[in-house]
Amino acid sequence: MLSITELKQAMSKGALWLSRGKVTQRLRRVKKSLKVTDELHFYYDPQVLNQEPKKASLIADLVDYSVWFKPYGMLSQGSKWSDHCTIGRWAQNNLSPERSTFIVHRLDRAATGIILIAHSKKAARALSEMFEKHQLEKHYNIIVHGDFSQREQPAVIETPIDNKAARSTFTHLNYHGNSNTSLIQVKIDSGRKHQIRKHAASINFPVVGDRLHGDKTRTYSEMTNLQLCAVSLRFTCPLTGQIRFFEVPEQLKPQLTA
C-alpha cells in the first residue's frame, strides 16, 4: 500500500497516465478533476522511480528552444514507467521561467553532447522538420581503438545501416600511443540508428566503451563510458533565419588522456 507522499512522488516522476477519449497523457497533479469515462493507468516500479537523474548543462536559452549538454546515462525520451531521468524533464524543471518541453531529436542513452529542446509546438514542428531534412551540420567526437592516422584522410564510410543508405566522414584529430587510441571527428550525412558506432566497428576501429557494437573480446570497467559526443551544431534557425552555432565546452568533449 502506497502512502500519499509515495503516490505524489510517483506522479511527479511520470508513472500515472490519464486516458480521456482518444488522448492519453501523463497526469502529475493530484487535484485534477476527473470525468466518469476517464481511465487511469499507473505504472509503478520502485527500481525505476528510485533512479536519480543525471545533471544536464544549459548551453543556451533562446526562449522558443534551449540547447543542452546531455550527460552519459541521461535519456532522451521517457517510458510509460517514468520520465524523470530524461533531458526534457530536466529542462522543464531547471529553466526559468518554466516551459513546456518537446523532443525534436535524440541521442543514445550512452552518448553525450548537444541536444535541442523545443518549448512550443511551433518551434517543435520547425526544428523537427529541420532535422528530418538534414538541414544542419552536426559533428561528433569519438575515441576509437587503434591508430586512425594510418588511414587515408578523411575516410568516408558508406556501409548501409539496416539496408538503408548511410554516409559518415571520419577525420583523424590525434593519437595516444600509450593507450593505442585515436580521437576522431565525425560528420554524418544521414541519421541511422547507432550509425557512427556501426560504421566505426565496420572498419575495425571500434568506439571505446561500445559494449553493443564494439569489439566483443574487450571488457570495460563500469567507469568506462561510451566515448561518443555530439560536439557541435550549425544551422539556420527556422524561426528567425539567423545562423546558429553551438559547441560543447572543451572540458566536456572526449579526452584521449582520460
C-alpha atoms as a PDB file:
ATOM      1  CA  MET A   1       0.000   0.000   0.000  1.00  0.00           C
ATOM      2  CA  LEU A   2       1.479   3.319  -1.075  1.00  0.00           C
ATOM      3  CA  SER A   3       1.382   6.391   1.118  1.00  0.00           C
ATOM      4  CA  ILE A   4       0.074   9.718  -0.194  1.00  0.00           C
ATOM      5  CA  THR A   5       3.660  11.001  -0.343  1.00  0.00           C
ATOM      6  CA  GLU A   6       4.835   7.980  -2.364  1.00  0.00           C
ATOM      7  CA  LEU A   7       1.889   8.359  -4.739  1.00  0.00           C
ATOM      8  CA  LYS A   8       2.603  12.046  -5.290  1.00  0.00           C
ATOM      9  CA  GLN A   9       6.294  11.334  -5.926  1.00  0.00           C
ATOM     10  CA  ALA A  10       5.431   8.624  -8.463  1.00  0.00           C
ATOM     11  CA  MET A  11       3.022  11.009 -10.213  1.00  0.00           C
ATOM     12  CA  SER A  12       5.601  13.795 -10.365  1.00  0.00           C
ATOM     13  CA  LYS A  13       8.045  11.353 -11.962  1.00  0.00           C
ATOM     14  CA  GLY A  14       5.570  10.385 -14.682  1.00  0.00           C
ATOM     15  CA  ALA A  15       4.204   6.995 -13.577  1.00  0.00           C
ATOM     16  CA  LEU A  16       0.494   7.896 -13.784  1.00  0.00           C
ATOM     17  CA  TRP A  17      -1.370   8.343 -17.083  1.00  0.00           C
ATOM     18  CA  LEU A  18      -4.840   9.675 -17.863  1.00  0.00           C
ATOM     19  CA  SER A  19      -6.839   8.455 -20.880  1.00  0.00           C
ATOM     20  CA  ARG A  20      -9.648  10.790 -21.881  1.00  0.00           C
ATOM     21  CA  GLY A  21     -11.313   9.906 -25.157  1.00  0.00           C
ATOM     22  CA  LYS A  22      -8.588   9.316 -27.735  1.00  0.00           C
ATOM     23  CA  VAL A  23      -5.948  11.267 -25.777  1.00  0.00           C
ATOM     24  CA  THR A  24      -3.604   9.666 -23.249  1.00  0.00           C
ATOM     25  CA  GLN A  25      -1.111  11.795 -21.329  1.00  0.00           C
ATOM     26  CA  ARG A  26       0.818  11.825 -18.085  1.00  0.00           C
ATOM     27  CA  LEU A  27      -1.052  13.070 -15.038  1.00  0.00           C
ATOM     28  CA  ARG A  28       1.069  14.896 -12.481  1.00  0.00           C
ATOM     29  CA  ARG A  29      -1.488  16.855 -10.445  1.00  0.00           C
ATOM     30  CA  VAL A  30      -3.470  15.187  -7.652  1.00  0.00           C
ATOM     31  CA  LYS A  31      -6.210  17.838  -7.781  1.00  0.00           C
ATOM     32  CA  LYS A  32      -7.096  17.439 -11.465  1.00  0.00           C
ATOM     33  CA  SER A  33     -10.842  16.933 -11.939  1.00  0.00           C
ATOM     34  CA  LEU A  34     -11.791  13.583 -13.456  1.00  0.00           C
ATOM     35  CA  LYS A  35     -14.748  12.515 -15.573  1.00  0.00           C
ATOM     36  CA  VAL A  36     -16.712   9.279 -15.204  1.00  0.00           C
ATOM     37  CA  THR A  37     -15.381   7.989 -18.522  1.00  0.00           C
ATOM     38  CA  ASP A  38     -11.718   8.731 -17.703  1.00  0.00           C
ATOM     39  CA  GLU A  39      -9.249   5.856 -17.318  1.00  0.00           C
ATOM     40  CA  LEU A  40      -6.161   5.971 -15.110  1.00  0.00           C
ATOM     41  CA  HIS A  41      -3.078   3.828 -15.775  1.00  0.00           C
ATOM     42  CA  PHE A  42      -0.493   3.533 -13.012  1.00  0.00           C
ATOM     43  CA  TYR A  43       2.896   2.017 -13.890  1.00  0.00           C
ATOM     44  CA  TYR A  44       4.697   1.642 -10.589  1.00  0.00           C
ATOM     45  CA  ASP A  45       8.230   0.276 -10.494  1.00  0.00           C
ATOM     46  CA  PRO A  46      10.218   1.406  -7.434  1.00  0.00           C
ATOM     47  CA  GLN A  47      13.501   0.411  -9.067  1.00  0.00           C
ATOM     48  CA  VAL A  48      12.817   2.810 -11.958  1.00  0.00           C
ATOM     49  CA  LEU A  49      11.391   5.589  -9.785  1.00  0.00           C
ATOM     50  CA  ASN A  50      14.343   5.461  -7.375  1.00  0.00           C
ATOM     51  CA  GLN A  51      16.826   6.241 -10.142  1.00  0.00           C
ATOM     52  CA  GLU A  52      18.422   9.668  -9.827  1.00  0.00           C
ATOM     53  CA  PRO A  53      18.598  11.840 -12.975  1.00  0.00           C
ATOM     54  CA  LYS A  54      21.997  12.906 -14.248  1.00  0.00           C
ATOM     55  CA  LYS A  55      22.692  16.657 -14.336  1.00  0.00           C
ATOM     56  CA  ALA A  56      22.472  18.271 -17.768  1.00  0.00           C
ATOM     57  CA  SER A  57      24.182  21.617 -18.504  1.00  0.00           C
ATOM     58  CA  LEU A  58      22.471  24.552 -20.198  1.00  0.00           C
ATOM     59  CA  ILE A  59      24.438  25.872 -23.181  1.00  0.00           C
ATOM     60  CA  ALA A  60      21.943  28.473 -24.446  1.00  0.00           C
ATOM     61  CA  ASP A  61      18.346  29.544 -23.813  1.00  0.00           C
ATOM     62  CA  LEU A  62      16.657  31.076 -26.849  1.00  0.00           C
ATOM     63  CA  VAL A  63      13.160  31.108 -25.271  1.00  0.00           C
ATOM     64  CA  ASP A  64      11.477  29.132 -28.087  1.00  0.00           C
ATOM     65  CA  TYR A  65      14.085  26.423 -27.666  1.00  0.00           C
ATOM     66  CA  SER A  66      17.078  25.701 -25.490  1.00  0.00           C
ATOM     67  CA  VAL A  67      20.397  23.966 -26.077  1.00  0.00           C
ATOM     68  CA  TRP A  68      21.770  21.476 -23.556  1.00  0.00           C
ATOM     69  CA  PHE A  69      24.692  19.181 -22.924  1.00  0.00           C
ATOM     70  CA  LYS A  70      23.229  15.731 -22.274  1.00  0.00           C
ATOM     71  CA  PRO A  71      25.435  13.655 -19.964  1.00  0.00           C
ATOM     72  CA  TYR A  72      26.119   9.936 -20.180  1.00  0.00           C
ATOM     73  CA  GLY A  73      23.172   7.888 -18.916  1.00  0.00           C
ATOM     74  CA  MET A  74      20.500  10.547 -19.339  1.00  0.00           C
ATOM     75  CA  LEU A  75      17.589   9.506 -21.538  1.00  0.00           C
ATOM     76  CA  SER A  76      16.258  11.485 -24.488  1.00  0.00           C
ATOM     77  CA  GLN A  77      12.784  10.023 -24.094  1.00  0.00           C
ATOM     78  CA  GLY A  78      10.826   8.564 -21.196  1.00  0.00           C
ATOM     79  CA  SER A  79       8.799   5.364 -20.951  1.00  0.00           C
ATOM     80  CA  LYS A  80       5.389   4.573 -19.529  1.00  0.00           C
ATOM     81  CA  TRP A  81       7.132   3.933 -16.189  1.00  0.00           C
ATOM     82  CA  SER A  82       8.610   7.429 -15.796  1.00  0.00           C
ATOM     83  CA  ASP A  83      10.252  10.408 -17.489  1.00  0.00           C
ATOM     84  CA  HIS A  84      12.104  11.959 -14.548  1.00  0.00           C
ATOM     85  CA  CYS A  85      15.528  10.907 -15.880  1.00  0.00           C
ATOM     86  CA  THR A  86      15.033  12.488 -19.317  1.00  0.00           C
ATOM     87  CA  ILE A  87      16.613  15.621 -20.753  1.00  0.00           C
ATOM     88  CA  GLY A  88      13.137  17.057 -21.443  1.00  0.00           C
ATOM     89  CA  ARG A  89      12.007  16.764 -17.836  1.00  0.00           C
ATOM     90  CA  TRP A  90      15.335  18.106 -16.609  1.00  0.00           C
ATOM     91  CA  ALA A  91      14.950  21.157 -18.867  1.00  0.00           C
ATOM     92  CA  GLN A  92      11.387  21.718 -17.708  1.00  0.00           C
ATOM     93  CA  ASN A  93      12.407  21.601 -14.049  1.00  0.00           C
ATOM     94  CA  ASN A  94      15.525  23.738 -14.397  1.00  0.00           C
ATOM     95  CA  LEU A  95      14.589  26.531 -16.810  1.00  0.00           C
ATOM     96  CA  SER A  96      13.330  29.867 -15.579  1.00  0.00           C
ATOM     97  CA  PRO A  97      10.601  30.610 -16.372  1.00  0.00           C
ATOM     98  CA  GLU A  98       9.358  27.014 -16.582  1.00  0.00           C
ATOM     99  CA  ARG A  99       8.114  25.994 -20.021  1.00  0.00           C
ATOM    100  CA  SER A 100       6.678  23.009 -21.848  1.00  0.00           C
ATOM    101  CA  THR A 101       9.268  20.785 -23.493  1.00  0.00           C
ATOM    102  CA  PHE A 102       9.201  18.927 -26.812  1.00  0.00           C
ATOM    103  CA  ILE A 103      11.870  16.499 -28.018  1.00  0.00           C
ATOM    104  CA  VAL A 104      12.903  17.197 -31.640  1.00  0.00           C
ATOM    105  CA  HIS A 105      15.866  14.810 -31.970  1.00  0.00           C
ATOM    106  CA  ARG A 106      17.578  12.175 -29.857  1.00  0.00           C
ATOM    107  CA  LEU A 107      20.912  10.967 -28.565  1.00  0.00           C
ATOM    108  CA  ASP A 108      21.563   7.440 -27.375  1.00  0.00           C
ATOM    109  CA  ARG A 109      21.459   6.970 -23.611  1.00  0.00           C
ATOM    110  CA  ALA A 110      25.165   6.107 -23.698  1.00  0.00           C
ATOM    111  CA  ALA A 111      26.121   9.102 -25.873  1.00  0.00           C
ATOM    112  CA  THR A 112      26.807  12.610 -24.620  1.00  0.00           C
ATOM    113  CA  GLY A 113      26.585  16.005 -26.248  1.00  0.00           C
ATOM    114  CA  ILE A 114      24.411  18.755 -27.674  1.00  0.00           C
ATOM    115  CA  ILE A 115      20.657  18.326 -27.818  1.00  0.00           C
ATOM    116  CA  LEU A 116      17.925  20.858 -28.653  1.00  0.00           C
ATOM    117  CA  ILE A 117      14.685  21.084 -26.662  1.00  0.00           C
ATOM    118  CA  ALA A 118      11.713  22.995 -28.127  1.00  0.00           C
ATOM    119  CA  HIS A 119       9.350  24.961 -25.865  1.00  0.00           C
ATOM    120  CA  SER A 120       6.406  25.488 -28.185  1.00  0.00           C
ATOM    121  CA  LYS A 121       4.564  23.354 -30.735  1.00  0.00           C
ATOM    122  CA  LYS A 122       5.571  25.805 -33.466  1.00  0.00           C
ATOM    123  CA  ALA A 123       9.253  25.523 -32.587  1.00  0.00           C
ATOM    124  CA  ALA A 124       8.984  21.735 -32.262  1.00  0.00           C
ATOM    125  CA  ARG A 125       7.494  21.408 -35.760  1.00  0.00           C
ATOM    126  CA  ALA A 126      10.084  23.715 -37.336  1.00  0.00           C
ATOM    127  CA  LEU A 127      13.100  22.130 -35.627  1.00  0.00           C
ATOM    128  CA  SER A 128      11.861  18.564 -36.220  1.00  0.00           C
ATOM    129  CA  GLU A 129      11.471  19.298 -39.930  1.00  0.00           C
ATOM    130  CA  MET A 130      14.983  20.755 -39.996  1.00  0.00           C
ATOM    131  CA  PHE A 131      16.400  17.527 -38.570  1.00  0.00           C
ATOM    132  CA  GLU A 132      14.269  15.308 -40.814  1.00  0.00           C
ATOM    133  CA  LYS A 133      15.513  17.148 -43.907  1.00  0.00           C
ATOM    134  CA  HIS A 134      19.126  17.187 -42.625  1.00  0.00           C
ATOM    135  CA  GLN A 135      19.232  20.990 -42.921  1.00  0.00           C
ATOM    136  CA  LEU A 136      22.045  21.343 -40.424  1.00  0.00           C
ATOM    137  CA  GLU A 137      25.666  20.418 -39.913  1.00  0.00           C
ATOM    138  CA  LYS A 138      26.484  18.271 -36.915  1.00  0.00           C
ATOM    139  CA  HIS A 139      29.844  16.993 -35.781  1.00  0.00           C
ATOM    140  CA  TYR A 140      30.755  14.323 -33.274  1.00  0.00           C
ATOM    141  CA  ASN A 141      33.973  13.397 -31.499  1.00  0.00           C
ATOM    142  CA  ILE A 142      34.743   9.757 -30.825  1.00  0.00           C
ATOM    143  CA  ILE A 143      37.678   7.895 -29.339  1.00  0.00           C
ATOM    144  CA  VAL A 144      38.421   4.591 -31.065  1.00  0.00           C
ATOM    145  CA  HIS A 145      40.847   1.729 -30.553  1.00  0.00           C
ATOM    146  CA  GLY A 146      43.792   1.827 -32.961  1.00  0.00           C
ATOM    147  CA  ASP A 147      45.871   4.393 -34.870  1.00  0.00           C
ATOM    148  CA  PHE A 148      43.450   6.053 -37.251  1.00  0.00           C
ATOM    149  CA  SER A 149      46.161   8.305 -38.710  1.00  0.00           C
ATOM    150  CA  GLN A 150      47.284   5.325 -40.819  1.00  0.00           C
ATOM    151  CA  ARG A 151      44.120   5.562 -42.915  1.00  0.00           C
ATOM    152  CA  GLU A 152      43.579   7.907 -45.832  1.00  0.00           C
ATOM    153  CA  GLN A 153      42.099  11.187 -44.579  1.00  0.00           C
ATOM    154  CA  PRO A 154      39.263  11.901 -44.471  1.00  0.00           C
ATOM    155  CA  ALA A 155      37.759   8.410 -44.511  1.00  0.00           C
ATOM    156  CA  VAL A 156      34.260   8.192 -45.954  1.00  0.00           C
ATOM    157  CA  ILE A 157      32.214   5.176 -44.811  1.00  0.00           C
ATOM    158  CA  GLU A 158      29.065   4.370 -46.753  1.00  0.00           C
ATOM    159  CA  THR A 159      28.170   0.938 -45.418  1.00  0.00           C
ATOM    160  CA  PRO A 160      24.340   0.657 -45.396  1.00  0.00           C
ATOM    161  CA  ILE A 161      22.647   0.576 -41.995  1.00  0.00           C
ATOM    162  CA  ASP A 162      19.614  -1.717 -41.782  1.00  0.00           C
ATOM    163  CA  ASN A 163      19.546  -1.808 -45.597  1.00  0.00           C
ATOM    164  CA  LYS A 164      19.347   1.995 -45.764  1.00  0.00           C
ATOM    165  CA  ALA A 165      21.935   4.370 -47.223  1.00  0.00           C
ATOM    166  CA  ALA A 166      24.271   5.871 -44.631  1.00  0.00           C
ATOM    167  CA  ARG A 167      27.308   8.104 -45.021  1.00  0.00           C
ATOM    168  CA  SER A 168      29.844   9.113 -42.355  1.00  0.00           C
ATOM    169  CA  THR A 169      33.052  11.083 -42.765  1.00  0.00           C
ATOM    170  CA  PHE A 170      35.807  10.299 -40.245  1.00  0.00           C
ATOM    171  CA  THR A 171      38.766  12.698 -39.813  1.00  0.00           C
ATOM    172  CA  HIS A 172      41.734  11.933 -37.559  1.00  0.00           C
ATOM    173  CA  LEU A 173      42.470  14.549 -34.875  1.00  0.00           C
ATOM    174  CA  ASN A 174      45.014  12.983 -32.516  1.00  0.00           C
ATOM    175  CA  TYR A 175      46.616   9.705 -31.457  1.00  0.00           C
ATOM    176  CA  HIS A 176      47.620   8.476 -27.995  1.00  0.00           C
ATOM    177  CA  GLY A 177      50.342   5.869 -28.245  1.00  0.00           C
ATOM    178  CA  ASN A 178      50.259   4.519 -24.694  1.00  0.00           C
ATOM    179  CA  SER A 179      46.605   3.506 -24.975  1.00  0.00           C
ATOM    180  CA  ASN A 180      46.665   2.972 -28.756  1.00  0.00           C
ATOM    181  CA  THR A 181      43.555   5.119 -29.168  1.00  0.00           C
ATOM    182  CA  SER A 182      42.642   7.859 -31.633  1.00  0.00           C
ATOM    183  CA  LEU A 183      40.468  10.942 -31.379  1.00  0.00           C
ATOM    184  CA  ILE A 184      38.295  11.342 -34.488  1.00  0.00           C
ATOM    185  CA  GLN A 185      35.891  13.987 -35.730  1.00  0.00           C
ATOM    186  CA  VAL A 186      32.813  12.580 -37.440  1.00  0.00           C
ATOM    187  CA  LYS A 187      30.346  14.267 -39.760  1.00  0.00           C
ATOM    188  CA  ILE A 188      27.236  12.314 -40.691  1.00  0.00           C
ATOM    189  CA  ASP A 189      25.033  12.988 -43.703  1.00  0.00           C
ATOM    190  CA  SER A 190      22.300  10.610 -42.534  1.00  0.00           C
ATOM    191  CA  GLY A 191      20.928   9.710 -39.140  1.00  0.00           C
ATOM    192  CA  ARG A 192      20.597   5.954 -38.928  1.00  0.00           C
ATOM    193  CA  LYS A 193      20.348   4.352 -35.506  1.00  0.00           C
ATOM    194  CA  HIS A 194      23.817   3.805 -33.995  1.00  0.00           C
ATOM    195  CA  GLN A 195      25.319   4.853 -37.344  1.00  0.00           C
ATOM    196  CA  ILE A 196      28.649   6.122 -36.022  1.00  0.00           C
ATOM    197  CA  ARG A 197      29.180   3.134 -33.753  1.00  0.00           C
ATOM    198  CA  LYS A 198      28.341   0.654 -36.517  1.00  0.00           C
ATOM    199  CA  HIS A 199      30.491   2.419 -39.108  1.00  0.00           C
ATOM    200  CA  ALA A 200      33.458   2.620 -36.719  1.00  0.00           C
ATOM    201  CA  ALA A 201      33.185  -1.085 -35.918  1.00  0.00           C
ATOM    202  CA  SER A 202      32.813  -1.967 -39.628  1.00  0.00           C
ATOM    203  CA  ILE A 203      36.300  -0.604 -40.370  1.00  0.00           C
ATOM    204  CA  ASN A 204      37.872  -2.243 -37.281  1.00  0.00           C
ATOM    205  CA  PHE A 205      38.162   0.959 -35.258  1.00  0.00           C
ATOM    206  CA  PRO A 206      35.511   0.316 -32.593  1.00  0.00           C
ATOM    207  CA  VAL A 207      34.492   3.164 -30.304  1.00  0.00           C
ATOM    208  CA  VAL A 208      35.974   2.882 -26.812  1.00  0.00           C
ATOM    209  CA  GLY A 209      33.282   1.769 -24.364  1.00  0.00           C
ATOM    210  CA  ASP A 210      30.956   0.444 -27.057  1.00  0.00           C
ATOM    211  CA  ARG A 211      29.683  -2.749 -25.467  1.00  0.00           C
ATOM    212  CA  LEU A 212      26.960  -3.237 -28.079  1.00  0.00           C
ATOM    213  CA  HIS A 213      28.663  -2.830 -31.458  1.00  0.00           C
ATOM    214  CA  GLY A 214      32.328  -2.747 -30.478  1.00  0.00           C
ATOM    215  CA  ASP A 215      34.993  -5.421 -30.072  1.00  0.00           C
ATOM    216  CA  LYS A 216      33.310  -8.230 -28.110  1.00  0.00           C
ATOM    217  CA  THR A 217      36.713  -9.529 -26.939  1.00  0.00           C
ATOM    218  CA  ARG A 218      37.266  -6.368 -24.894  1.00  0.00           C
ATOM    219  CA  THR A 219      35.973  -5.854 -21.394  1.00  0.00           C
ATOM    220  CA  TYR A 220      35.455  -2.448 -19.809  1.00  0.00           C
ATOM    221  CA  SER A 221      35.148  -1.353 -16.210  1.00  0.00           C
ATOM    222  CA  GLU A 222      31.905   0.276 -15.087  1.00  0.00           C
ATOM    223  CA  MET A 223      33.792   3.595 -15.074  1.00  0.00           C
ATOM    224  CA  THR A 224      34.375   3.471 -18.850  1.00  0.00           C
ATOM    225  CA  ASN A 225      31.598   5.308 -20.675  1.00  0.00           C
ATOM    226  CA  LEU A 226      30.943   5.243 -24.403  1.00  0.00           C
ATOM    227  CA  GLN A 227      33.385   7.726 -25.939  1.00  0.00           C
ATOM    228  CA  LEU A 228      30.980   9.377 -28.373  1.00  0.00           C
ATOM    229  CA  CYS A 229      29.918  13.006 -28.074  1.00  0.00           C
ATOM    230  CA  ALA A 230      27.812  15.296 -30.293  1.00  0.00           C
ATOM    231  CA  VAL A 231      30.147  18.289 -30.070  1.00  0.00           C
ATOM    232  CA  SER A 232      28.614  20.925 -32.357  1.00  0.00           C
ATOM    233  CA  LEU A 233      25.555  22.011 -34.328  1.00  0.00           C
ATOM    234  CA  ARG A 234      25.333  24.656 -37.041  1.00  0.00           C
ATOM    235  CA  PHE A 235      22.058  25.591 -38.758  1.00  0.00           C
ATOM    236  CA  THR A 236      19.889  28.409 -39.992  1.00  0.00           C
ATOM    237  CA  CYS A 237      17.218  28.926 -37.354  1.00  0.00           C
ATOM    238  CA  PRO A 238      13.853  28.088 -38.975  1.00  0.00           C
ATOM    239  CA  LEU A 239      12.130  30.626 -36.702  1.00  0.00           C
ATOM    240  CA  THR A 240      14.367  33.677 -37.139  1.00  0.00           C
ATOM    241  CA  GLY A 241      16.541  32.958 -40.189  1.00  0.00           C
ATOM    242  CA  GLN A 242      19.691  33.570 -38.109  1.00  0.00           C
ATOM    243  CA  ILE A 243      22.779  31.364 -38.389  1.00  0.00           C
ATOM    244  CA  ARG A 244      23.208  29.450 -35.154  1.00  0.00           C
ATOM    245  CA  PHE A 245      26.305  27.626 -33.960  1.00  0.00           C
ATOM    246  CA  PHE A 246      26.579  25.770 -30.681  1.00  0.00           C
ATOM    247  CA  GLU A 247      29.548  23.826 -29.342  1.00  0.00           C
ATOM    248  CA  VAL A 248      30.189  21.699 -26.286  1.00  0.00           C
ATOM    249  CA  PRO A 249      32.739  23.212 -23.850  1.00  0.00           C
ATOM    250  CA  GLU A 250      36.191  21.700 -24.358  1.00  0.00           C
ATOM    251  CA  GLN A 251      36.274  20.065 -20.937  1.00  0.00           C
ATOM    252  CA  LEU A 252      33.126  18.063 -21.733  1.00  0.00           C
ATOM    253  CA  LYS A 253      34.444  16.611 -25.002  1.00  0.00           C
ATOM    254  CA  PRO A 254      36.076  13.139 -25.074  1.00  0.00           C
ATOM    255  CA  GLN A 255      39.685  13.386 -23.873  1.00  0.00           C
ATOM    256  CA  LEU A 256      42.393  10.998 -25.074  1.00  0.00           C
ATOM    257  CA  THR A 257      44.466  11.486 -21.933  1.00  0.00           C
ATOM    258  CA  ALA A 258      41.485  10.453 -19.766  1.00  0.00           C
END
